[in-house]
Amino acid sequence: MEPIRTQRTRRPAGAPEKLSAREQRFASEYLVDLCGGAAALRAGYNQSPASARGTASRLLTKASVQAAVAAVVVVLTFFVT
């Protein structure tokens, strides 16, 4: 007999992941000075500056974090202009 295969629940293609609380904080802190390493430290990630830069780089490649940052930039652009 063939084993029963179960389907994994996947999010629809193009749907962003939900951000964790620290990822949300990182996105907010990143907008303060656009410095990823400093934002990672302020958001509560690693204590070493070198590892914070690596964490920031990883976070900024996530589509969900990029979308959160872009959404705030769009809103700010709307109110500034």
N, C-alpha and C. Protein backbone atom coordinates (compact mmCIF):
# COMPACT_ATOMS: atom_id res chain seq x y z
N MET A 1 0.83 -1.19 0.00
CA MET A 1 0.00 0.00 0.00
C MET A 1 0.87 1.24 0.00
N GLU A 2 0.35 2.23 -0.61
CA GLU A 2 1.05 3.51 -0.68
C GLU A 2 0.71 4.35 0.55
N PRO A 3 1.70 5.05 1.12
CA PRO A 3 1.40 5.87 2.30
C PRO A 3 0.47 7.03 1.94
N ILE A 4 -0.31 7.42 2.91
CA ILE A 4 -1.23 8.53 2.71
C ILE A 4 -0.44 9.83 2.75
N ARG A 5 -0.65 10.64 1.76
CA ARG A 5 0.04 11.93 1.71
C ARG A 5 -0.89 13.02 2.22
N THR A 6 -0.37 13.83 3.05
CA THR A 6 -1.17 14.95 3.53
C THR A 6 -0.69 16.22 2.85
N GLN A 7 -1.60 17.09 2.57
CA GLN A 7 -1.24 18.35 1.95
C GLN A 7 -0.92 19.36 3.02
N ARG A 8 0.15 20.06 2.80
CA ARG A 8 0.51 21.13 3.72
C ARG A 8 -0.27 22.38 3.35
N THR A 9 -0.59 23.12 4.36
CA THR A 9 -1.28 24.37 4.12
C THR A 9 -0.25 25.40 3.70
N ARG A 10 -0.45 25.97 2.56
CA ARG A 10 0.48 26.98 2.07
C ARG A 10 -0.27 28.29 1.91
N ARG A 11 0.48 29.36 2.08
CA ARG A 11 -0.14 30.65 1.83
C ARG A 11 -0.17 30.86 0.33
N PRO A 12 -1.13 31.60 -0.17
CA PRO A 12 -1.22 31.84 -1.60
C PRO A 12 0.03 32.55 -2.13
N ALA A 13 0.36 32.27 -3.37
CA ALA A 13 1.53 32.90 -3.97
C ALA A 13 1.35 34.42 -3.96
N GLY A 14 2.37 35.12 -3.55
CA GLY A 14 2.32 36.57 -3.51
C GLY A 14 1.78 37.14 -2.22
N ALA A 15 1.20 36.31 -1.36
CA ALA A 15 0.67 36.80 -0.08
C ALA A 15 1.83 36.94 0.90
N PRO A 16 2.01 38.11 1.49
CA PRO A 16 3.13 38.29 2.42
C PRO A 16 2.90 37.53 3.72
N GLU A 17 4.01 37.10 4.32
CA GLU A 17 3.93 36.45 5.62
C GLU A 17 3.55 37.49 6.67
N LYS A 18 3.03 37.01 7.78
CA LYS A 18 2.76 37.93 8.88
C LYS A 18 4.08 38.20 9.60
N LEU A 19 4.25 39.43 10.01
CA LEU A 19 5.47 39.81 10.71
C LEU A 19 5.36 39.47 12.19
N SER A 20 6.48 39.06 12.75
CA SER A 20 6.53 38.88 14.19
C SER A 20 6.62 40.27 14.83
N ALA A 21 6.51 40.33 16.13
CA ALA A 21 6.58 41.61 16.83
C ALA A 21 7.95 42.26 16.63
N ARG A 22 9.02 41.44 16.68
CA ARG A 22 10.36 42.01 16.49
C ARG A 22 10.57 42.47 15.05
N GLU A 23 10.01 41.75 14.09
CA GLU A 23 10.13 42.18 12.69
C GLU A 23 9.40 43.50 12.47
N GLN A 24 8.23 43.65 13.09
CA GLN A 24 7.50 44.92 13.00
C GLN A 24 8.32 46.04 13.63
N ARG A 25 8.91 45.75 14.78
CA ARG A 25 9.74 46.76 15.46
C ARG A 25 10.95 47.11 14.61
N PHE A 26 11.55 46.09 13.97
CA PHE A 26 12.70 46.34 13.10
C PHE A 26 12.31 47.27 11.95
N ALA A 27 11.16 47.01 11.33
CA ALA A 27 10.71 47.84 10.21
C ALA A 27 10.51 49.29 10.67
N SER A 28 9.93 49.47 11.85
CA SER A 28 9.73 50.82 12.39
C SER A 28 11.05 51.49 12.69
N GLU A 29 11.95 50.75 13.32
CA GLU A 29 13.25 51.31 13.68
C GLU A 29 14.10 51.60 12.44
N TYR A 30 13.96 50.79 11.40
CA TYR A 30 14.73 50.99 10.17
C TYR A 30 14.37 52.33 9.53
N LEU A 31 13.13 52.73 9.66
CA LEU A 31 12.69 53.99 9.05
C LEU A 31 13.22 55.21 9.80
N VAL A 32 13.73 55.04 11.01
CA VAL A 32 14.26 56.16 11.77
C VAL A 32 15.50 56.74 11.09
N ASP A 33 16.45 55.87 10.73
CA ASP A 33 17.70 56.36 10.16
C ASP A 33 18.20 55.54 8.97
N LEU A 34 17.40 54.58 8.52
CA LEU A 34 17.74 53.71 7.39
C LEU A 34 19.06 52.96 7.60
N CYS A 35 19.38 52.68 8.85
CA CYS A 35 20.58 51.92 9.19
C CYS A 35 20.12 50.57 9.74
N GLY A 36 20.32 49.52 8.94
CA GLY A 36 19.81 48.20 9.31
C GLY A 36 20.41 47.64 10.58
N GLY A 37 21.73 47.78 10.74
CA GLY A 37 22.38 47.24 11.93
C GLY A 37 21.88 47.89 13.21
N ALA A 38 21.78 49.21 13.18
CA ALA A 38 21.28 49.93 14.36
C ALA A 38 19.82 49.60 14.62
N ALA A 39 19.04 49.45 13.56
CA ALA A 39 17.62 49.11 13.71
C ALA A 39 17.47 47.72 14.33
N ALA A 40 18.32 46.78 13.92
CA ALA A 40 18.26 45.42 14.48
C ALA A 40 18.58 45.45 15.97
N LEU A 41 19.59 46.23 16.35
CA LEU A 41 19.93 46.33 17.78
C LEU A 41 18.78 46.96 18.56
N ARG A 42 18.20 48.04 18.04
CA ARG A 42 17.10 48.70 18.75
C ARG A 42 15.85 47.83 18.81
N ALA A 43 15.68 46.95 17.82
CA ALA A 43 14.50 46.07 17.80
C ALA A 43 14.68 44.86 18.72
N GLY A 44 15.87 44.70 19.29
CA GLY A 44 16.08 43.62 20.24
C GLY A 44 16.75 42.39 19.67
N TYR A 45 17.34 42.51 18.49
CA TYR A 45 18.08 41.39 17.94
C TYR A 45 19.47 41.35 18.56
N ASN A 46 20.37 40.60 17.99
CA ASN A 46 21.70 40.32 18.53
C ASN A 46 22.42 41.53 19.11
N GLN A 47 23.31 41.27 20.04
CA GLN A 47 24.04 42.35 20.72
C GLN A 47 25.28 42.80 19.96
N SER A 48 25.89 41.94 19.18
CA SER A 48 27.11 42.31 18.47
C SER A 48 26.76 43.08 17.20
N PRO A 49 27.44 44.18 16.92
CA PRO A 49 27.15 44.96 15.71
C PRO A 49 27.32 44.16 14.42
N ALA A 50 28.30 43.27 14.39
CA ALA A 50 28.51 42.47 13.17
C ALA A 50 27.34 41.53 12.92
N SER A 51 26.86 40.87 13.97
CA SER A 51 25.74 39.96 13.78
C SER A 51 24.44 40.74 13.56
N ALA A 52 24.35 41.94 14.10
CA ALA A 52 23.16 42.76 13.88
C ALA A 52 23.07 43.17 12.41
N ARG A 53 24.22 43.47 11.80
CA ARG A 53 24.22 43.81 10.37
C ARG A 53 23.78 42.62 9.53
N GLY A 54 24.23 41.42 9.91
CA GLY A 54 23.81 40.20 9.21
C GLY A 54 22.31 39.96 9.37
N THR A 55 21.81 40.18 10.58
CA THR A 55 20.38 40.02 10.83
C THR A 55 19.58 41.03 10.01
N ALA A 56 20.07 42.26 9.97
CA ALA A 56 19.39 43.30 9.19
C ALA A 56 19.35 42.93 7.71
N SER A 57 20.45 42.43 7.21
CA SER A 57 20.51 42.03 5.81
C SER A 57 19.50 40.93 5.52
N ARG A 58 19.43 39.95 6.41
CA ARG A 58 18.48 38.85 6.24
C ARG A 58 17.04 39.36 6.30
N LEU A 59 16.76 40.24 7.25
CA LEU A 59 15.40 40.75 7.40
C LEU A 59 14.99 41.59 6.19
N LEU A 60 15.91 42.37 5.67
CA LEU A 60 15.58 43.25 4.54
C LEU A 60 15.40 42.49 3.24
N THR A 61 15.76 41.21 3.20
CA THR A 61 15.49 40.41 2.01
C THR A 61 14.13 39.73 2.08
N LYS A 62 13.50 39.74 3.25
CA LYS A 62 12.17 39.13 3.40
C LYS A 62 11.12 40.05 2.78
N ALA A 63 10.28 39.46 1.95
CA ALA A 63 9.25 40.24 1.26
C ALA A 63 8.29 40.91 2.24
N SER A 64 8.00 40.26 3.35
CA SER A 64 7.06 40.82 4.31
C SER A 64 7.63 42.07 4.98
N VAL A 65 8.91 42.05 5.29
CA VAL A 65 9.55 43.22 5.90
C VAL A 65 9.65 44.34 4.87
N GLN A 66 10.01 44.01 3.65
CA GLN A 66 10.08 45.01 2.59
C GLN A 66 8.71 45.66 2.38
N ALA A 67 7.66 44.85 2.43
CA ALA A 67 6.31 45.39 2.25
C ALA A 67 5.93 46.32 3.39
N ALA A 68 6.31 45.97 4.62
CA ALA A 68 5.99 46.83 5.77
C ALA A 68 6.72 48.16 5.66
N VAL A 69 7.99 48.14 5.27
CA VAL A 69 8.75 49.37 5.12
C VAL A 69 8.16 50.20 3.97
N ALA A 70 7.86 49.56 2.86
CA ALA A 70 7.32 50.27 1.70
C ALA A 70 5.96 50.90 2.01
N ALA A 71 5.14 50.22 2.79
CA ALA A 71 3.83 50.76 3.13
C ALA A 71 3.95 52.05 3.93
N VAL A 72 4.88 52.08 4.87
CA VAL A 72 5.06 53.28 5.67
C VAL A 72 5.64 54.41 4.80
N VAL A 73 6.56 54.07 3.92
CA VAL A 73 7.14 55.08 3.04
C VAL A 73 6.06 55.69 2.14
N VAL A 74 5.16 54.88 1.63
CA VAL A 74 4.07 55.38 0.79
C VAL A 74 3.18 56.33 1.58
N VAL A 75 2.84 55.96 2.80
CA VAL A 75 1.99 56.81 3.63
C VAL A 75 2.69 58.13 3.94
N LEU A 76 3.97 58.05 4.30
CA LEU A 76 4.72 59.26 4.60
C LEU A 76 4.85 60.16 3.38
N THR A 77 5.07 59.55 2.23
CA THR A 77 5.18 60.32 0.99
C THR A 77 3.87 61.03 0.69
N PHE A 78 2.76 60.37 0.94
CA PHE A 78 1.45 60.95 0.70
C PHE A 78 1.23 62.18 1.59
N PHE A 79 1.62 62.08 2.85
CA PHE A 79 1.39 63.20 3.77
C PHE A 79 2.39 64.33 3.59
N VAL A 80 3.58 64.03 3.11
CA VAL A 80 4.60 65.06 2.96
C VAL A 80 4.36 65.90 1.71
N THR A 81 3.89 65.26 0.64
CA THR A 81 3.70 65.98 -0.61
C THR A 81 2.35 66.62 -0.71
